[in-house]
Structures are given as structure tokens and as C-alpha cells.
Amino acid sequence: APSSSQQPATQRSAQEQPSTAPASASTPKPVAATPKPARETA
């Protein structure tokens, strides 16, 4: 079920990282590297 806390893709934080595992209940620590969305050029 969709959550009211879900953000549109355009409002996501620049520090958001791609997820390859189910989301953890704890708040993730910020990381230095920021991945590029696939529609970005290299």
C-alpha cells in the first residue's frame, strides 16, 4: 500500500542511494559518494 511519506522521484534527496536490499528500520548513515540516475550522462 502506498505511504503518505513516499516522495516523488523529483523530490528525492541528492544523497539518496540505490537500494539492493529491503529497507532497514534504522536511519541510514550519509555516505560521501552520490550515484547518478540512469538518465544522467556520465
PDB file of all heavy atoms in Angstrom:
ATOM      1  N   ALA A   1       0.844  -1.197   0.000  1.00  0.00           N
ATOM      2  CA  ALA A   1       0.000   0.000   0.000  1.00  0.00           C
ATOM      3  C   ALA A   1       0.874   1.239   0.000  1.00  0.00           C
ATOM      4  O   ALA A   1       1.857   1.312   0.739  1.00  0.00           O
ATOM      5  CB  ALA A   1      -0.904  -0.008   1.230  1.00  0.00           C
ATOM      6  N   PRO A   2       0.545   2.255  -0.827  1.00  0.00           N
ATOM      7  CA  PRO A   2       1.365   3.460  -0.868  1.00  0.00           C
ATOM      8  C   PRO A   2       1.313   4.219   0.441  1.00  0.00           C
ATOM      9  O   PRO A   2       0.292   4.291   1.097  1.00  0.00           O
ATOM     10  CB  PRO A   2       0.722   4.280  -2.000  1.00  0.00           C
ATOM     11  CG  PRO A   2      -0.668   3.770  -2.105  1.00  0.00           C
ATOM     12  CD  PRO A   2      -0.600   2.314  -1.733  1.00  0.00           C
ATOM     13  N   SER A   3       2.454   4.764   0.835  1.00  0.00           N
ATOM     14  CA  SER A   3       2.566   5.512   2.078  1.00  0.00           C
ATOM     15  C   SER A   3       2.539   6.995   1.788  1.00  0.00           C
ATOM     16  O   SER A   3       3.061   7.465   0.784  1.00  0.00           O
ATOM     17  CB  SER A   3       3.874   5.136   2.786  1.00  0.00           C
ATOM     18  OG  SER A   3       4.125   6.015   3.865  1.00  0.00           O
ATOM     19  N   SER A   4       1.934   7.760   2.701  1.00  0.00           N
ATOM     20  CA  SER A   4       1.881   9.210   2.524  1.00  0.00           C
ATOM     21  C   SER A   4       3.254   9.841   2.625  1.00  0.00           C
ATOM     22  O   SER A   4       3.457  10.981   2.221  1.00  0.00           O
ATOM     23  CB  SER A   4       0.953   9.825   3.573  1.00  0.00           C
ATOM     24  OG  SER A   4       1.429   9.524   4.877  1.00  0.00           O
ATOM     25  N   SER A   5       4.209   9.102   3.196  1.00  0.00           N
ATOM     26  CA  SER A   5       5.553   9.649   3.354  1.00  0.00           C
ATOM     27  C   SER A   5       6.414   9.446   2.119  1.00  0.00           C
ATOM     28  O   SER A   5       7.526   9.946   2.054  1.00  0.00           O
ATOM     29  CB  SER A   5       6.247   8.990   4.554  1.00  0.00           C
ATOM     30  OG  SER A   5       6.378   7.590   4.330  1.00  0.00           O
ATOM     31  N   GLN A   6       5.893   8.699   1.119  1.00  0.00           N
ATOM     32  CA  GLN A   6       6.680   8.471  -0.088  1.00  0.00           C
ATOM     33  C   GLN A   6       6.819   9.761  -0.865  1.00  0.00           C
ATOM     34  O   GLN A   6       5.865  10.526  -0.997  1.00  0.00           O
ATOM     35  CB  GLN A   6       6.011   7.415  -0.967  1.00  0.00           C
ATOM     36  CG  GLN A   6       6.139   6.012  -0.406  1.00  0.00           C
ATOM     37  CD  GLN A   6       5.484   4.991  -1.316  1.00  0.00           C
ATOM     38  OE1 GLN A   6       4.623   5.326  -2.106  1.00  0.00           O
ATOM     39  NE2 GLN A   6       5.906   3.757  -1.199  1.00  0.00           N
ATOM     40  N   GLN A   7       8.010  10.023  -1.396  1.00  0.00           N
ATOM     41  CA  GLN A   7       8.278  11.233  -2.136  1.00  0.00           C
ATOM     42  C   GLN A   7       8.339  10.931  -3.615  1.00  0.00           C
ATOM     43  O   GLN A   7       8.803   9.880  -4.012  1.00  0.00           O
ATOM     44  CB  GLN A   7       9.625  11.836  -1.713  1.00  0.00           C
ATOM     45  CG  GLN A   7       9.651  12.301  -0.261  1.00  0.00           C
ATOM     46  CD  GLN A   7      11.026  12.833   0.089  1.00  0.00           C
ATOM     47  OE1 GLN A   7      12.001  12.565  -0.605  1.00  0.00           O
ATOM     48  NE2 GLN A   7      11.093  13.593   1.159  1.00  0.00           N
ATOM     49  N   PRO A   8       7.869  11.866  -4.469  1.00  0.00           N
ATOM     50  CA  PRO A   8       8.066  11.701  -5.910  1.00  0.00           C
ATOM     51  C   PRO A   8       9.528  11.673  -6.245  1.00  0.00           C
ATOM     52  O   PRO A   8      10.372  12.150  -5.484  1.00  0.00           O
ATOM     53  CB  PRO A   8       7.381  12.943  -6.509  1.00  0.00           C
ATOM     54  CG  PRO A   8       6.495  13.475  -5.423  1.00  0.00           C
ATOM     55  CD  PRO A   8       7.144  13.076  -4.136  1.00  0.00           C
ATOM     56  N   ALA A   9       9.863  11.116  -7.427  1.00  0.00           N
ATOM     57  CA  ALA A   9      11.264  10.998  -7.824  1.00  0.00           C
ATOM     58  C   ALA A   9      11.927  12.358  -7.886  1.00  0.00           C
ATOM     59  O   ALA A   9      13.117  12.488  -7.636  1.00  0.00           O
ATOM     60  CB  ALA A   9      11.358  10.307  -9.181  1.00  0.00           C
ATOM     61  N   THR A  10      11.165  13.419  -8.222  1.00  0.00           N
ATOM     62  CA  THR A  10      11.756  14.745  -8.377  1.00  0.00           C
ATOM     63  C   THR A  10      12.086  15.388  -7.049  1.00  0.00           C
ATOM     64  O   THR A  10      12.778  16.388  -7.005  1.00  0.00           O
ATOM     65  CB  THR A  10      10.788  15.665  -9.132  1.00  0.00           C
ATOM     66  OG1 THR A  10       9.530  15.655  -8.457  1.00  0.00           O
ATOM     67  CG2 THR A  10      10.619  15.194 -10.555  1.00  0.00           C
ATOM     68  N   GLN A  11      11.577  14.842  -5.913  1.00  0.00           N
ATOM     69  CA  GLN A  11      11.809  15.453  -4.612  1.00  0.00           C
ATOM     70  C   GLN A  11      12.779  14.647  -3.769  1.00  0.00           C
ATOM     71  O   GLN A  11      12.985  14.959  -2.606  1.00  0.00           O
ATOM     72  CB  GLN A  11      10.476  15.589  -3.875  1.00  0.00           C
ATOM     73  CG  GLN A  11       9.470  16.474  -4.621  1.00  0.00           C
ATOM     74  CD  GLN A  11       8.144  16.518  -3.915  1.00  0.00           C
ATOM     75  OE1 GLN A  11       7.975  15.934  -2.847  1.00  0.00           O
ATOM     76  NE2 GLN A  11       7.179  17.206  -4.493  1.00  0.00           N
ATOM     77  N   ARG A  12      13.368  13.629  -4.344  1.00  0.00           N
ATOM     78  CA  ARG A  12      14.275  12.808  -3.570  1.00  0.00           C
ATOM     79  C   ARG A  12      15.552  13.550  -3.257  1.00  0.00           C
ATOM     80  O   ARG A  12      16.033  14.354  -4.047  1.00  0.00           O
ATOM     81  CB  ARG A  12      14.599  11.519  -4.315  1.00  0.00           C
ATOM     82  CG  ARG A  12      13.386  10.620  -4.429  1.00  0.00           C
ATOM     83  CD  ARG A  12      13.787   9.276  -4.940  1.00  0.00           C
ATOM     84  NE  ARG A  12      12.675   8.331  -4.793  1.00  0.00           N
ATOM     85  CZ  ARG A  12      12.808   7.027  -4.850  1.00  0.00           C
ATOM     86  NH1 ARG A  12      13.976   6.491  -5.080  1.00  0.00           N
ATOM     87  NH2 ARG A  12      11.770   6.250  -4.700  1.00  0.00           N
ATOM     88  N   SER A  13      16.128  13.225  -2.114  1.00  0.00           N
ATOM     89  CA  SER A  13      17.365  13.881  -1.700  1.00  0.00           C
ATOM     90  C   SER A  13      18.499  13.499  -2.620  1.00  0.00           C
ATOM     91  O   SER A  13      18.582  12.384  -3.115  1.00  0.00           O
ATOM     92  CB  SER A  13      17.701  13.469  -0.262  1.00  0.00           C
ATOM     93  OG  SER A  13      19.019  13.837   0.062  1.00  0.00           O
ATOM     94  N   ALA A  14      19.422  14.422  -2.823  1.00  0.00           N
ATOM     95  CA  ALA A  14      20.590  14.135  -3.665  1.00  0.00           C
ATOM     96  C   ALA A  14      21.478  13.097  -3.026  1.00  0.00           C
ATOM     97  O   ALA A  14      22.336  12.505  -3.677  1.00  0.00           O
ATOM     98  CB  ALA A  14      21.382  15.426  -3.911  1.00  0.00           C
ATOM     99  N   GLN A  15      21.304  12.874  -1.696  1.00  0.00           N
ATOM    100  CA  GLN A  15      22.132  11.888  -1.010  1.00  0.00           C
ATOM    101  C   GLN A  15      21.506  10.502  -1.011  1.00  0.00           C
ATOM    102  O   GLN A  15      22.079   9.566  -0.475  1.00  0.00           O
ATOM    103  CB  GLN A  15      22.363  12.323   0.442  1.00  0.00           C
ATOM    104  CG  GLN A  15      23.188  13.601   0.554  1.00  0.00           C
ATOM    105  CD  GLN A  15      24.583  13.414   0.003  1.00  0.00           C
ATOM    106  OE1 GLN A  15      25.162  12.351   0.178  1.00  0.00           O
ATOM    107  NE2 GLN A  15      25.115  14.412  -0.665  1.00  0.00           N
ATOM    108  N   GLU A  16      20.302  10.359  -1.606  1.00  0.00           N
ATOM    109  CA  GLU A  16      19.652   9.047  -1.607  1.00  0.00           C
ATOM    110  C   GLU A  16      20.431   8.071  -2.445  1.00  0.00           C
ATOM    111  O   GLU A  16      20.861   8.384  -3.548  1.00  0.00           O
ATOM    112  CB  GLU A  16      18.225   9.174  -2.129  1.00  0.00           C
ATOM    113  CG  GLU A  16      17.488   7.838  -2.107  1.00  0.00           C
ATOM    114  CD  GLU A  16      16.058   7.982  -2.568  1.00  0.00           C
ATOM    115  OE1 GLU A  16      15.635   9.113  -2.801  1.00  0.00           O
ATOM    116  OE2 GLU A  16      15.381   6.946  -2.685  1.00  0.00           O
ATOM    117  N   GLN A  17      20.599   6.879  -1.951  1.00  0.00           N
ATOM    118  CA  GLN A  17      21.387   5.855  -2.613  1.00  0.00           C
ATOM    119  C   GLN A  17      20.482   4.782  -3.176  1.00  0.00           C
ATOM    120  O   GLN A  17      19.387   4.552  -2.659  1.00  0.00           O
ATOM    121  CB  GLN A  17      22.373   5.207  -1.609  1.00  0.00           C
ATOM    122  CG  GLN A  17      23.326   6.211  -0.980  1.00  0.00           C
ATOM    123  CD  GLN A  17      24.225   6.832  -2.016  1.00  0.00           C
ATOM    124  OE1 GLN A  17      24.857   6.117  -2.777  1.00  0.00           O
ATOM    125  NE2 GLN A  17      24.292   8.127  -2.072  1.00  0.00           N
ATOM    126  N   PRO A  18      20.907   4.087  -4.244  1.00  0.00           N
ATOM    127  CA  PRO A  18      20.105   2.975  -4.757  1.00  0.00           C
ATOM    128  C   PRO A  18      20.061   1.847  -3.756  1.00  0.00           C
ATOM    129  O   PRO A  18      21.048   1.576  -3.073  1.00  0.00           O
ATOM    130  CB  PRO A  18      20.861   2.551  -6.037  1.00  0.00           C
ATOM    131  CG  PRO A  18      22.250   2.999  -5.795  1.00  0.00           C
ATOM    132  CD  PRO A  18      22.150   4.266  -4.988  1.00  0.00           C
ATOM    133  N   SER A  19      18.918   1.180  -3.664  1.00  0.00           N
ATOM    134  CA  SER A  19      18.754   0.101  -2.704  1.00  0.00           C
ATOM    135  C   SER A  19      18.763  -1.236  -3.416  1.00  0.00           C
ATOM    136  O   SER A  19      18.052  -1.446  -4.374  1.00  0.00           O
ATOM    137  CB  SER A  19      17.425   0.282  -1.957  1.00  0.00           C
ATOM    138  OG  SER A  19      17.169  -0.822  -1.132  1.00  0.00           O
ATOM    139  N   THR A  20      19.587  -2.149  -2.931  1.00  0.00           N
ATOM    140  CA  THR A  20      19.615  -3.505  -3.477  1.00  0.00           C
ATOM    141  C   THR A  20      19.136  -4.512  -2.450  1.00  0.00           C
ATOM    142  O   THR A  20      19.228  -5.699  -2.657  1.00  0.00           O
ATOM    143  CB  THR A  20      21.039  -3.870  -3.930  1.00  0.00           C
ATOM    144  OG1 THR A  20      21.936  -3.704  -2.835  1.00  0.00           O
ATOM    145  CG2 THR A  20      21.474  -2.964  -5.078  1.00  0.00           C
ATOM    146  N   ALA A  21      18.642  -4.035  -1.282  1.00  0.00           N
ATOM    147  CA  ALA A  21      18.129  -4.895  -0.235  1.00  0.00           C
ATOM    148  C   ALA A  21      16.945  -4.199   0.401  1.00  0.00           C
ATOM    149  O   ALA A  21      16.796  -2.977   0.284  1.00  0.00           O
ATOM    150  CB  ALA A  21      19.223  -5.186   0.815  1.00  0.00           C
ATOM    151  N   PRO A  22      16.059  -4.940   1.116  1.00  0.00           N
ATOM    152  CA  PRO A  22      14.913  -4.309   1.759  1.00  0.00           C
ATOM    153  C   PRO A  22      15.354  -3.213   2.706  1.00  0.00           C
ATOM    154  O   PRO A  22      16.405  -3.298   3.349  1.00  0.00           O
ATOM    155  CB  PRO A  22      14.237  -5.481   2.495  1.00  0.00           C
ATOM    156  CG  PRO A  22      14.694  -6.691   1.742  1.00  0.00           C
ATOM    157  CD  PRO A  22      16.071  -6.376   1.266  1.00  0.00           C
ATOM    158  N   ALA A  23      14.556  -2.162   2.808  1.00  0.00           N
ATOM    159  CA  ALA A  23      14.914  -1.022   3.625  1.00  0.00           C
ATOM    160  C   ALA A  23      15.018  -1.415   5.079  1.00  0.00           C
ATOM    161  O   ALA A  23      14.223  -2.176   5.618  1.00  0.00           O
ATOM    162  CB  ALA A  23      13.866   0.078   3.453  1.00  0.00           C
ATOM    163  N   SER A  24      16.004  -0.879   5.787  1.00  0.00           N
ATOM    164  CA  SER A  24      16.214  -1.160   7.194  1.00  0.00           C
ATOM    165  C   SER A  24      15.350  -0.236   8.028  1.00  0.00           C
ATOM    166  O   SER A  24      15.018   0.888   7.628  1.00  0.00           O
ATOM    167  CB  SER A  24      17.694  -0.971   7.545  1.00  0.00           C
ATOM    168  OG  SER A  24      17.881  -1.034   8.938  1.00  0.00           O
ATOM    169  N   ALA A  25      15.013  -0.648   9.221  1.00  0.00           N
ATOM    170  CA  ALA A  25      14.197   0.177  10.088  1.00  0.00           C
ATOM    171  C   ALA A  25      14.980   1.360  10.617  1.00  0.00           C
ATOM    172  O   ALA A  25      14.422   2.381  10.993  1.00  0.00           O
ATOM    173  CB  ALA A  25      13.648  -0.667  11.248  1.00  0.00           C
ATOM    174  N   SER A  26      16.296   1.232  10.713  1.00  0.00           N
ATOM    175  CA  SER A  26      17.113   2.309  11.226  1.00  0.00           C
ATOM    176  C   SER A  26      17.449   3.300  10.131  1.00  0.00           C
ATOM    177  O   SER A  26      17.443   2.975   8.962  1.00  0.00           O
ATOM    178  CB  SER A  26      18.409   1.745  11.820  1.00  0.00           C
ATOM    179  OG  SER A  26      19.128   1.057  10.847  1.00  0.00           O
ATOM    180  N   THR A  27      17.759   4.540  10.525  1.00  0.00           N
ATOM    181  CA  THR A  27      18.091   5.585   9.562  1.00  0.00           C
ATOM    182  C   THR A  27      19.483   5.350   9.015  1.00  0.00           C
ATOM    183  O   THR A  27      20.441   5.223   9.770  1.00  0.00           O
ATOM    184  CB  THR A  27      18.041   6.962  10.233  1.00  0.00           C
ATOM    185  OG1 THR A  27      16.750   7.146  10.808  1.00  0.00           O
ATOM    186  CG2 THR A  27      18.348   8.068   9.225  1.00  0.00           C
ATOM    187  N   PRO A  28      19.663   5.273   7.669  1.00  0.00           N
ATOM    188  CA  PRO A  28      20.982   5.006   7.108  1.00  0.00           C
ATOM    189  C   PRO A  28      21.912   6.197   7.310  1.00  0.00           C
ATOM    190  O   PRO A  28      21.486   7.347   7.333  1.00  0.00           O
ATOM    191  CB  PRO A  28      20.689   4.785   5.619  1.00  0.00           C
ATOM    192  CG  PRO A  28      19.420   5.519   5.382  1.00  0.00           C
ATOM    193  CD  PRO A  28      18.643   5.417   6.654  1.00  0.00           C
ATOM    194  N   LYS A  29      23.186   5.895   7.463  1.00  0.00           N
ATOM    195  CA  LYS A  29      24.178   6.943   7.608  1.00  0.00           C
ATOM    196  C   LYS A  29      24.475   7.557   6.257  1.00  0.00           C
ATOM    197  O   LYS A  29      24.523   6.877   5.256  1.00  0.00           O
ATOM    198  CB  LYS A  29      25.462   6.364   8.211  1.00  0.00           C
ATOM    199  CG  LYS A  29      25.266   5.809   9.622  1.00  0.00           C
ATOM    200  CD  LYS A  29      26.577   5.248  10.155  1.00  0.00           C
ATOM    201  CE  LYS A  29      26.372   4.679  11.566  1.00  0.00           C
ATOM    202  NZ  LYS A  29      27.632   4.128  12.104  1.00  0.00           N
ATOM    203  N   PRO A  30      24.702   8.886   6.231  1.00  0.00           N
ATOM    204  CA  PRO A  30      25.043   9.519   4.941  1.00  0.00           C
ATOM    205  C   PRO A  30      26.371   9.013   4.426  1.00  0.00           C
ATOM    206  O   PRO A  30      27.262   8.658   5.199  1.00  0.00           O
ATOM    207  CB  PRO A  30      25.093  11.011   5.301  1.00  0.00           C
ATOM    208  CG  PRO A  30      25.297  11.056   6.782  1.00  0.00           C
ATOM    209  CD  PRO A  30      24.642   9.830   7.341  1.00  0.00           C
ATOM    210  N   VAL A  31      26.503   8.927   3.112  1.00  0.00           N
ATOM    211  CA  VAL A  31      27.738   8.463   2.502  1.00  0.00           C
ATOM    212  C   VAL A  31      28.296   9.565   1.623  1.00  0.00           C
ATOM    213  O   VAL A  31      27.595  10.496   1.228  1.00  0.00           O
ATOM    214  CB  VAL A  31      27.507   7.190   1.660  1.00  0.00           C
ATOM    215  CG1 VAL A  31      27.112   6.035   2.546  1.00  0.00           C
ATOM    216  CG2 VAL A  31      26.455   7.442   0.607  1.00  0.00           C
ATOM    217  N   ALA A  32      29.557   9.454   1.280  1.00  0.00           N
ATOM    218  CA  ALA A  32      30.228  10.522   0.541  1.00  0.00           C
ATOM    219  C   ALA A  32      29.843  10.534  -0.924  1.00  0.00           C
ATOM    220  O   ALA A  32      29.629  11.571  -1.511  1.00  0.00           O
ATOM    221  CB  ALA A  32      31.743  10.394   0.693  1.00  0.00           C
ATOM    222  N   ALA A  33      29.753   9.359  -1.534  1.00  0.00           N
ATOM    223  CA  ALA A  33      29.512   9.286  -2.974  1.00  0.00           C
ATOM    224  C   ALA A  33      28.022   9.352  -3.263  1.00  0.00           C
ATOM    225  O   ALA A  33      27.211   8.780  -2.541  1.00  0.00           O
ATOM    226  CB  ALA A  33      30.088   8.000  -3.551  1.00  0.00           C
ATOM    227  N   THR A  34      27.665  10.057  -4.319  1.00  0.00           N
ATOM    228  CA  THR A  34      26.272  10.160  -4.749  1.00  0.00           C
ATOM    229  C   THR A  34      26.119   9.543  -6.123  1.00  0.00           C
ATOM    230  O   THR A  34      26.728  10.003  -7.076  1.00  0.00           O
ATOM    231  CB  THR A  34      25.839  11.639  -4.821  1.00  0.00           C
ATOM    232  OG1 THR A  34      26.013  12.222  -3.520  1.00  0.00           O
ATOM    233  CG2 THR A  34      24.376  11.750  -5.234  1.00  0.00           C
ATOM    234  N   PRO A  35      25.320   8.460  -6.268  1.00  0.00           N
ATOM    235  CA  PRO A  35      25.172   7.835  -7.585  1.00  0.00           C
ATOM    236  C   PRO A  35      24.371   8.715  -8.521  1.00  0.00           C
ATOM    237  O   PRO A  35      23.553   9.522  -8.095  1.00  0.00           O
ATOM    238  CB  PRO A  35      24.415   6.543  -7.264  1.00  0.00           C
ATOM    239  CG  PRO A  35      23.645   6.875  -6.025  1.00  0.00           C
ATOM    240  CD  PRO A  35      24.504   7.828  -5.244  1.00  0.00           C
ATOM    241  N   LYS A  36      24.593   8.543  -9.821  1.00  0.00           N
ATOM    242  CA  LYS A  36      23.870   9.305 -10.835  1.00  0.00           C
ATOM    243  C   LYS A  36      22.652   8.510 -11.297  1.00  0.00           C
ATOM    244  O   LYS A  36      22.753   7.318 -11.532  1.00  0.00           O
ATOM    245  CB  LYS A  36      24.769   9.571 -12.053  1.00  0.00           C
ATOM    246  CG  LYS A  36      25.977  10.447 -11.748  1.00  0.00           C
ATOM    247  CD  LYS A  36      26.757  10.691 -13.030  1.00  0.00           C
ATOM    248  CE  LYS A  36      27.937  11.617 -12.805  1.00  0.00           C
ATOM    249  NZ  LYS A  36      28.951  11.019 -11.951  1.00  0.00           N
ATOM    250  N   PRO A  37      21.495   9.172 -11.416  1.00  0.00           N
ATOM    251  CA  PRO A  37      20.364   8.470 -12.029  1.00  0.00           C
ATOM    252  C   PRO A  37      20.729   8.024 -13.436  1.00  0.00           C
ATOM    253  O   PRO A  37      21.562   8.622 -14.092  1.00  0.00           O
ATOM    254  CB  PRO A  37      19.269   9.544 -12.054  1.00  0.00           C
ATOM    255  CG  PRO A  37      19.657  10.522 -10.986  1.00  0.00           C
ATOM    256  CD  PRO A  37      21.155  10.516 -10.982  1.00  0.00           C
ATOM    257  N   ALA A  38      20.059   6.962 -13.904  1.00  0.00           N
ATOM    258  CA  ALA A  38      20.433   6.385 -15.190  1.00  0.00           C
ATOM    259  C   ALA A  38      20.239   7.340 -16.343  1.00  0.00           C
ATOM    260  O   ALA A  38      20.883   7.211 -17.377  1.00  0.00           O
ATOM    261  CB  ALA A  38      19.633   5.111 -15.437  1.00  0.00           C
ATOM    262  N   ARG A  39      19.342   8.321 -16.228  1.00  0.00           N
ATOM    263  CA  ARG A  39      19.117   9.248 -17.324  1.00  0.00           C
ATOM    264  C   ARG A  39      20.174  10.337 -17.387  1.00  0.00           C
ATOM    265  O   ARG A  39      20.190  11.151 -18.289  1.00  0.00           O
ATOM    266  CB  ARG A  39      17.740   9.902 -17.215  1.00  0.00           C
ATOM    267  CG  ARG A  39      16.584   8.942 -17.381  1.00  0.00           C
ATOM    268  CD  ARG A  39      16.624   8.196 -18.684  1.00  0.00           C
ATOM    269  NE  ARG A  39      16.410   9.031 -19.828  1.00  0.00           N
ATOM    270  CZ  ARG A  39      16.400   8.583 -21.073  1.00  0.00           C
ATOM    271  NH1 ARG A  39      16.636   7.308 -21.312  1.00  0.00           N
ATOM    272  NH2 ARG A  39      16.186   9.392 -22.071  1.00  0.00           N
ATOM    273  N   GLU A  40      21.088  10.375 -16.389  1.00  0.00           N
ATOM    274  CA  GLU A  40      22.158  11.359 -16.418  1.00  0.00           C
ATOM    275  C   GLU A  40      23.258  10.904 -17.365  1.00  0.00           C
ATOM    276  O   GLU A  40      23.506   9.715 -17.538  1.00  0.00           O
ATOM    277  CB  GLU A  40      22.774  11.542 -15.013  1.00  0.00           C
ATOM    278  CG  GLU A  40      21.789  12.046 -13.977  1.00  0.00           C
ATOM    279  CD  GLU A  40      21.352  13.465 -14.274  1.00  0.00           C
ATOM    280  OE1 GLU A  40      22.165  14.242 -14.794  1.00  0.00           O
ATOM    281  OE2 GLU A  40      20.201  13.788 -13.989  1.00  0.00           O
ATOM    282  N   THR A  41      23.964  11.841 -17.967  1.00  0.00           N
ATOM    283  CA  THR A  41      25.128  11.492 -18.761  1.00  0.00           C
ATOM    284  C   THR A  41      26.305  11.283 -17.832  1.00  0.00           C
ATOM    285  O   THR A  41      26.326  11.785 -16.709  1.00  0.00           O
ATOM    286  CB  THR A  41      25.463  12.618 -19.756  1.00  0.00           C
ATOM    287  OG1 THR A  41      25.725  13.811 -19.027  1.00  0.00           O
ATOM    288  CG2 THR A  41      24.300  12.852 -20.709  1.00  0.00           C
ATOM    289  N   ALA A  42      27.293  10.559 -18.312  1.00  0.00           N
ATOM    290  CA  ALA A  42      28.438  10.228 -17.469  1.00  0.00           C
ATOM    291  C   ALA A  42      29.187  11.473 -17.029  1.00  0.00           C
ATOM    292  O   ALA A  42      29.854  11.469 -16.001  1.00  0.00           O
ATOM    293  CB  ALA A  42      29.377   9.287 -18.210  1.00  0.00           C
TER     294      ALA A  42
END
